[in-house]
């Protein structure tokens, strides 16, 4: 695997910064995945109750836009009033992100655990697992994070979960395991995927086996 000078410098920086990483890069794409998931599967809930849930979700979005750390109350209201709505699970995902960004790991964990337990969509449950594993990694709960990642359900997440597993193993100090996980991720990633090259960089940063 050949890298140019700039990439070699990036690898050197990655090696130097490895211990300071608090969250694997794959976790950063979870919020984008909310948009990618769209609203598939919500038609089964399309009735007056769905409209009411949508209205309440709009209130949540406005609150989140003003202060993500204070939007949890609206998310909790949705969970109480419309626990089966896809609007609610997405609100909980966003509330978890706001809490995690503010360092409130307990609230983030509670919101994400709720999504995993209540969402009817496997893709949404897996998005929550990715976020939850990131929170657990931040707390150096490596084995807990690996257990969370082992619960993947949706095939479309296979490569992302493999990359995330590699990040956890690397942080844990298991270089061999991390290499295997990154290789697994690369084998499953489309070469044109935005994160494919960075997985290669992370793999190279671990050195040869």
C-alpha atoms as a PDB file:
ATOM      1  CA  UNK A   1       0.000   0.000   0.000  1.00  0.00           C
ATOM      2  CA  UNK A   2       1.815   3.127  -1.234  1.00  0.00           C
ATOM      3  CA  UNK A   3       1.188   6.583   0.183  1.00  0.00           C
ATOM      4  CA  UNK A   4       2.508   9.932  -1.005  1.00  0.00           C
ATOM      5  CA  UNK A   5       4.416  12.311   1.261  1.00  0.00           C
ATOM      6  CA  UNK A   6       1.315  14.140   2.451  1.00  0.00           C
ATOM      7  CA  UNK A   7      -0.398  10.877   3.370  1.00  0.00           C
ATOM      8  CA  UNK A   8       2.751   9.676   5.166  1.00  0.00           C
ATOM      9  CA  UNK A   9       2.644  12.858   7.239  1.00  0.00           C
ATOM     10  CA  UNK A  10      -1.028  12.206   7.991  1.00  0.00           C
ATOM     11  CA  UNK A  11      -0.149   8.699   9.155  1.00  0.00           C
ATOM     12  CA  UNK A  12       2.577  10.078  11.431  1.00  0.00           C
ATOM     13  CA  UNK A  13       0.111  12.556  12.906  1.00  0.00           C
ATOM     14  CA  UNK A  14      -2.428   9.787  13.376  1.00  0.00           C
ATOM     15  CA  UNK A  15       0.087   7.657  15.271  1.00  0.00           C
ATOM     16  CA  UNK A  16       1.005  10.580  17.523  1.00  0.00           C
ATOM     17  CA  UNK A  17      -2.617  11.487  18.207  1.00  0.00           C
ATOM     18  CA  UNK A  18      -4.019   7.979  18.609  1.00  0.00           C
ATOM     19  CA  UNK A  19      -4.171   8.060  22.402  1.00  0.00           C
ATOM     20  CA  UNK A  20      -6.002  11.385  22.378  1.00  0.00           C
ATOM     21  CA  UNK A  21      -8.849  10.106  20.234  1.00  0.00           C
ATOM     22  CA  UNK A  22     -11.993  10.098  22.324  1.00  0.00           C
ATOM     23  CA  UNK A  23     -14.345   8.863  19.639  1.00  0.00           C
ATOM     24  CA  UNK A  24     -13.951   6.779  16.507  1.00  0.00           C
ATOM     25  CA  UNK A  25     -14.411   8.576  13.223  1.00  0.00           C
ATOM     26  CA  UNK A  26     -17.205   6.284  12.092  1.00  0.00           C
ATOM     27  CA  UNK A  27     -19.303   7.582  14.956  1.00  0.00           C
ATOM     28  CA  UNK A  28     -19.208  11.036  13.425  1.00  0.00           C
ATOM     29  CA  UNK A  29     -21.267   9.905  10.462  1.00  0.00           C
ATOM     30  CA  UNK A  30     -24.166   8.642  12.548  1.00  0.00           C
ATOM     31  CA  UNK A  31     -25.964  11.962  12.564  1.00  0.00           C
ATOM     32  CA  UNK A  32     -25.701  12.065   8.765  1.00  0.00           C
ATOM     33  CA  UNK A  33     -27.160   8.575   8.654  1.00  0.00           C
ATOM     34  CA  UNK A  34     -30.368   9.916  10.174  1.00  0.00           C
ATOM     35  CA  UNK A  35     -30.912  11.817   6.955  1.00  0.00           C
ATOM     36  CA  UNK A  36     -29.752   8.880   4.856  1.00  0.00           C
ATOM     37  CA  UNK A  37     -32.280   6.617   6.544  1.00  0.00           C
ATOM     38  CA  UNK A  38     -35.019   9.001   5.527  1.00  0.00           C
ATOM     39  CA  UNK A  39     -38.507   8.191   6.682  1.00  0.00           C
ATOM     40  CA  UNK A  40     -38.809   4.695   5.236  1.00  0.00           C
ATOM     41  CA  UNK A  41     -41.144   2.496   7.167  1.00  0.00           C
ATOM     42  CA  UNK A  42     -43.211   5.341   8.583  1.00  0.00           C
ATOM     43  CA  UNK A  43     -46.279   4.808   6.389  1.00  0.00           C
ATOM     44  CA  UNK A  44     -47.585   2.116   8.708  1.00  0.00           C
ATOM     45  CA  UNK A  45     -48.028   4.922  11.224  1.00  0.00           C
ATOM     46  CA  UNK A  46     -49.503   7.477   8.849  1.00  0.00           C
ATOM     47  CA  UNK A  47     -52.698   8.593  10.523  1.00  0.00           C
ATOM     48  CA  UNK A  48     -53.881  11.413  12.766  1.00  0.00           C
ATOM     49  CA  UNK A  49     -51.572  10.263  15.533  1.00  0.00           C
ATOM     50  CA  UNK A  50     -48.623  10.458  13.140  1.00  0.00           C
ATOM     51  CA  UNK A  51     -49.558  14.015  12.262  1.00  0.00           C
ATOM     52  CA  UNK A  52     -49.693  14.923  15.937  1.00  0.00           C
ATOM     53  CA  UNK A  53     -46.318  13.282  16.497  1.00  0.00           C
ATOM     54  CA  UNK A  54     -44.943  15.216  13.543  1.00  0.00           C
ATOM     55  CA  UNK A  55     -46.195  18.469  15.016  1.00  0.00           C
ATOM     56  CA  UNK A  56     -44.522  17.680  18.321  1.00  0.00           C
ATOM     57  CA  UNK A  57     -41.339  16.711  16.478  1.00  0.00           C
ATOM     58  CA  UNK A  58     -41.349  20.161  14.852  1.00  0.00           C
ATOM     59  CA  UNK A  59     -41.346  21.670  18.340  1.00  0.00           C
ATOM     60  CA  UNK A  60     -38.412  19.430  19.218  1.00  0.00           C
ATOM     61  CA  UNK A  61     -36.485  20.477  16.097  1.00  0.00           C
ATOM     62  CA  UNK A  62     -36.898  24.149  16.930  1.00  0.00           C
ATOM     63  CA  UNK A  63     -35.709  23.556  20.492  1.00  0.00           C
ATOM     64  CA  UNK A  64     -32.768  21.524  19.222  1.00  0.00           C
ATOM     65  CA  UNK A  65     -31.821  24.284  16.813  1.00  0.00           C
ATOM     66  CA  UNK A  66     -31.705  26.815  19.651  1.00  0.00           C
ATOM     67  CA  UNK A  67     -29.865  24.636  22.185  1.00  0.00           C
ATOM     68  CA  UNK A  68     -29.259  20.918  21.522  1.00  0.00           C
ATOM     69  CA  UNK A  69     -28.425  20.313  25.178  1.00  0.00           C
ATOM     70  CA  UNK A  70     -31.888  21.449  26.292  1.00  0.00           C
ATOM     71  CA  UNK A  71     -33.950  19.554  23.732  1.00  0.00           C
ATOM     72  CA  UNK A  72     -34.045  16.385  25.800  1.00  0.00           C
ATOM     73  CA  UNK A  73     -37.293  17.403  27.494  1.00  0.00           C
ATOM     74  CA  UNK A  74     -39.093  17.556  24.144  1.00  0.00           C
ATOM     75  CA  UNK A  75     -37.619  14.199  23.154  1.00  0.00           C
ATOM     76  CA  UNK A  76     -38.824  12.703  26.431  1.00  0.00           C
ATOM     77  CA  UNK A  77     -42.302  14.130  25.804  1.00  0.00           C
ATOM     78  CA  UNK A  78     -42.382  12.425  22.415  1.00  0.00           C
ATOM     79  CA  UNK A  79     -41.280   9.155  24.021  1.00  0.00           C
ATOM     80  CA  UNK A  80     -44.146   9.402  26.482  1.00  0.00           C
ATOM     81  CA  UNK A  81     -46.839  10.476  24.021  1.00  0.00           C
ATOM     82  CA  UNK A  82     -45.787   8.633  20.842  1.00  0.00           C
ATOM     83  CA  UNK A  83     -43.395   5.796  21.757  1.00  0.00           C
ATOM     84  CA  UNK A  84     -44.027   3.947  18.488  1.00  0.00           C
ATOM     85  CA  UNK A  85     -43.487   6.865  16.141  1.00  0.00           C
ATOM     86  CA  UNK A  86     -40.405   7.080  13.905  1.00  0.00           C
ATOM     87  CA  UNK A  87     -40.394  10.793  14.719  1.00  0.00           C
ATOM     88  CA  UNK A  88     -39.694   9.863  18.331  1.00  0.00           C
ATOM     89  CA  UNK A  89     -36.734   7.604  17.663  1.00  0.00           C
ATOM     90  CA  UNK A  90     -35.116  10.263  15.501  1.00  0.00           C
ATOM     91  CA  UNK A  91     -35.689  12.875  18.180  1.00  0.00           C
ATOM     92  CA  UNK A  92     -34.040  10.584  20.716  1.00  0.00           C
ATOM     93  CA  UNK A  93     -31.030  10.107  18.410  1.00  0.00           C
ATOM     94  CA  UNK A  94     -30.598  13.849  18.071  1.00  0.00           C
ATOM     95  CA  UNK A  95     -31.115  14.415  21.796  1.00  0.00           C
ATOM     96  CA  UNK A  96     -28.429  11.818  22.470  1.00  0.00           C
ATOM     97  CA  UNK A  97     -26.017  13.639  20.175  1.00  0.00           C
ATOM     98  CA  UNK A  98     -26.672  16.936  21.928  1.00  0.00           C
ATOM     99  CA  UNK A  99     -26.091  15.324  25.317  1.00  0.00           C
ATOM    100  CA  UNK A 100     -22.925  13.534  24.192  1.00  0.00           C
ATOM    101  CA  UNK A 101     -21.486  16.710  22.693  1.00  0.00           C
ATOM    102  CA  UNK A 102     -22.093  18.410  26.046  1.00  0.00           C
ATOM    103  CA  UNK A 103     -20.362  15.594  27.929  1.00  0.00           C
ATOM    104  CA  UNK A 104     -23.579  14.247  29.464  1.00  0.00           C
ATOM    105  CA  UNK A 105     -22.856  10.588  28.809  1.00  0.00           C
ATOM    106  CA  UNK A 106     -25.623   9.291  31.077  1.00  0.00           C
ATOM    107  CA  UNK A 107     -28.373  11.121  29.194  1.00  0.00           C
ATOM    108  CA  UNK A 108     -26.845  10.134  25.862  1.00  0.00           C
ATOM    109  CA  UNK A 109     -26.687   6.499  26.940  1.00  0.00           C
ATOM    110  CA  UNK A 110     -30.276   6.547  28.191  1.00  0.00           C
ATOM    111  CA  UNK A 111     -31.596   8.060  24.951  1.00  0.00           C
ATOM    112  CA  UNK A 112     -29.685   5.635  22.735  1.00  0.00           C
ATOM    113  CA  UNK A 113     -30.631   2.597  24.811  1.00  0.00           C
ATOM    114  CA  UNK A 114     -34.264   3.651  24.461  1.00  0.00           C
ATOM    115  CA  UNK A 115     -33.946   3.843  20.667  1.00  0.00           C
ATOM    116  CA  UNK A 116     -32.419   0.367  20.485  1.00  0.00           C
ATOM    117  CA  UNK A 117     -35.244  -1.019  22.603  1.00  0.00           C
ATOM    118  CA  UNK A 118     -38.133   0.780  20.892  1.00  0.00           C
ATOM    119  CA  UNK A 119     -37.392   1.558  17.245  1.00  0.00           C
ATOM    120  CA  UNK A 120     -39.198  -0.601  14.695  1.00  0.00           C
ATOM    121  CA  UNK A 121     -36.435   0.016  12.123  1.00  0.00           C
ATOM    122  CA  UNK A 122     -33.255  -2.049  12.205  1.00  0.00           C
ATOM    123  CA  UNK A 123     -31.289   0.718  10.477  1.00  0.00           C
ATOM    124  CA  UNK A 124     -32.275   3.193  13.179  1.00  0.00           C
ATOM    125  CA  UNK A 125     -31.435   0.698  15.926  1.00  0.00           C
ATOM    126  CA  UNK A 126     -28.011   0.211  14.364  1.00  0.00           C
ATOM    127  CA  UNK A 127     -27.458   3.969  14.104  1.00  0.00           C
ATOM    128  CA  UNK A 128     -28.150   4.108  17.838  1.00  0.00           C
ATOM    129  CA  UNK A 129     -25.716   1.253  18.463  1.00  0.00           C
ATOM    130  CA  UNK A 130     -22.998   3.116  16.573  1.00  0.00           C
ATOM    131  CA  UNK A 131     -23.592   6.229  18.659  1.00  0.00           C
ATOM    132  CA  UNK A 132     -23.789   4.266  21.906  1.00  0.00           C
ATOM    133  CA  UNK A 133     -20.507   2.499  21.173  1.00  0.00           C
ATOM    134  CA  UNK A 134     -18.919   5.916  20.546  1.00  0.00           C
ATOM    135  CA  UNK A 135     -20.121   7.125  23.954  1.00  0.00           C
ATOM    136  CA  UNK A 136     -18.794   3.957  25.590  1.00  0.00           C
ATOM    137  CA  UNK A 137     -15.454   4.358  23.827  1.00  0.00           C
ATOM    138  CA  UNK A 138     -15.224   7.921  25.138  1.00  0.00           C
ATOM    139  CA  UNK A 139     -15.483   6.425  28.626  1.00  0.00           C
ATOM    140  CA  UNK A 140     -12.835   3.783  27.802  1.00  0.00           C
ATOM    141  CA  UNK A 141     -15.443   1.047  28.226  1.00  0.00           C
ATOM    142  CA  UNK A 142     -13.862  -0.956  25.445  1.00  0.00           C
ATOM    143  CA  UNK A 143     -15.422  -4.348  26.096  1.00  0.00           C
ATOM    144  CA  UNK A 144     -18.846  -2.778  26.562  1.00  0.00           C
ATOM    145  CA  UNK A 145     -18.469  -0.931  23.252  1.00  0.00           C
ATOM    146  CA  UNK A 146     -17.449  -4.131  21.477  1.00  0.00           C
ATOM    147  CA  UNK A 147     -20.506  -5.897  22.889  1.00  0.00           C
ATOM    148  CA  UNK A 148     -22.722  -3.058  21.651  1.00  0.00           C
ATOM    149  CA  UNK A 149     -21.218  -3.312  18.171  1.00  0.00           C
ATOM    150  CA  UNK A 150     -21.755  -7.077  18.127  1.00  0.00           C
ATOM    151  CA  UNK A 151     -25.507  -6.451  18.015  1.00  0.00           C
ATOM    152  CA  UNK A 152     -25.565  -5.151  14.440  1.00  0.00           C
ATOM    153  CA  UNK A 153     -28.718  -6.160  12.539  1.00  0.00           C
ATOM    154  CA  UNK A 154     -28.715  -4.297   9.229  1.00  0.00           C
ATOM    155  CA  UNK A 155     -26.408  -5.562   6.476  1.00  0.00           C
ATOM    156  CA  UNK A 156     -25.875  -2.054   5.117  1.00  0.00           C
ATOM    157  CA  UNK A 157     -23.969  -1.203   8.302  1.00  0.00           C
ATOM    158  CA  UNK A 158     -21.478  -4.080   8.050  1.00  0.00           C
ATOM    159  CA  UNK A 159     -18.495  -2.014   6.903  1.00  0.00           C
ATOM    160  CA  UNK A 160     -19.166   0.850   9.320  1.00  0.00           C
ATOM    161  CA  UNK A 161     -19.430  -1.535  12.252  1.00  0.00           C
ATOM    162  CA  UNK A 162     -16.197  -3.258  11.215  1.00  0.00           C
ATOM    163  CA  UNK A 163     -14.422   0.101  11.088  1.00  0.00           C
ATOM    164  CA  UNK A 164     -15.870   1.070  14.465  1.00  0.00           C
ATOM    165  CA  UNK A 165     -14.748  -2.253  15.922  1.00  0.00           C
ATOM    166  CA  UNK A 166     -11.257  -1.529  14.635  1.00  0.00           C
ATOM    167  CA  UNK A 167     -11.274   1.870  16.334  1.00  0.00           C
ATOM    168  CA  UNK A 168     -12.309   0.349  19.657  1.00  0.00           C
ATOM    169  CA  UNK A 169      -9.706  -2.409  19.422  1.00  0.00           C
ATOM    170  CA  UNK A 170      -7.008   0.114  18.495  1.00  0.00           C
ATOM    171  CA  UNK A 171      -7.900   2.251  21.506  1.00  0.00           C
ATOM    172  CA  UNK A 172      -7.860  -0.883  23.660  1.00  0.00           C
ATOM    173  CA  UNK A 173      -4.338  -1.680  22.475  1.00  0.00           C
ATOM    174  CA  UNK A 174      -5.243  -4.733  20.406  1.00  0.00           C
ATOM    175  CA  UNK A 175      -3.364  -3.809  17.232  1.00  0.00           C
ATOM    176  CA  UNK A 176      -3.761  -7.229  15.630  1.00  0.00           C
ATOM    177  CA  UNK A 177      -7.498  -7.240  16.208  1.00  0.00           C
ATOM    178  CA  UNK A 178      -7.794  -3.673  14.933  1.00  0.00           C
ATOM    179  CA  UNK A 179      -5.895  -4.558  11.755  1.00  0.00           C
ATOM    180  CA  UNK A 180      -8.234  -7.471  11.092  1.00  0.00           C
ATOM    181  CA  UNK A 181     -11.281  -5.265  11.666  1.00  0.00           C
ATOM    182  CA  UNK A 182     -10.017  -2.546   9.326  1.00  0.00           C
ATOM    183  CA  UNK A 183      -9.219  -5.132   6.656  1.00  0.00           C
ATOM    184  CA  UNK A 184     -12.729  -6.491   7.061  1.00  0.00           C
ATOM    185  CA  UNK A 185     -14.137  -2.977   6.668  1.00  0.00           C
ATOM    186  CA  UNK A 186     -12.096  -2.350   3.519  1.00  0.00           C
ATOM    187  CA  UNK A 187     -13.232  -5.644   2.025  1.00  0.00           C
ATOM    188  CA  UNK A 188     -16.843  -4.591   2.464  1.00  0.00           C
ATOM    189  CA  UNK A 189     -16.506  -0.906   1.538  1.00  0.00           C
ATOM    190  CA  UNK A 190     -17.032   0.375  -1.959  1.00  0.00           C
ATOM    191  CA  UNK A 191     -13.708   1.812  -3.127  1.00  0.00           C
ATOM    192  CA  UNK A 192     -15.448   5.095  -3.850  1.00  0.00           C
ATOM    193  CA  UNK A 193     -16.821   5.348  -0.295  1.00  0.00           C
ATOM    194  CA  UNK A 194     -15.807   8.558   1.413  1.00  0.00           C
ATOM    195  CA  UNK A 195     -14.222   6.809   4.392  1.00  0.00           C
ATOM    196  CA  UNK A 196     -12.426   4.040   2.463  1.00  0.00           C
ATOM    197  CA  UNK A 197      -9.163   5.939   2.122  1.00  0.00           C
ATOM    198  CA  UNK A 198      -9.151   6.943   5.762  1.00  0.00           C
ATOM    199  CA  UNK A 199      -9.648   3.336   6.825  1.00  0.00           C
ATOM    200  CA  UNK A 200      -6.541   2.572   4.768  1.00  0.00           C
ATOM    201  CA  UNK A 201      -4.682   5.339   6.596  1.00  0.00           C
ATOM    202  CA  UNK A 202      -5.753   3.977   9.979  1.00  0.00           C
ATOM    203  CA  UNK A 203      -4.697   0.497   8.931  1.00  0.00           C
ATOM    204  CA  UNK A 204      -1.291   1.764   7.803  1.00  0.00           C
ATOM    205  CA  UNK A 205      -0.862   3.652  11.077  1.00  0.00           C
ATOM    206  CA  UNK A 206      -0.950   0.338  12.929  1.00  0.00           C
ATOM    207  CA  UNK A 207       2.084  -0.920  11.025  1.00  0.00           C
ATOM    208  CA  UNK A 208       2.684  -4.408   9.732  1.00  0.00           C
ATOM    209  CA  UNK A 209       1.561  -7.492  11.618  1.00  0.00           C
END
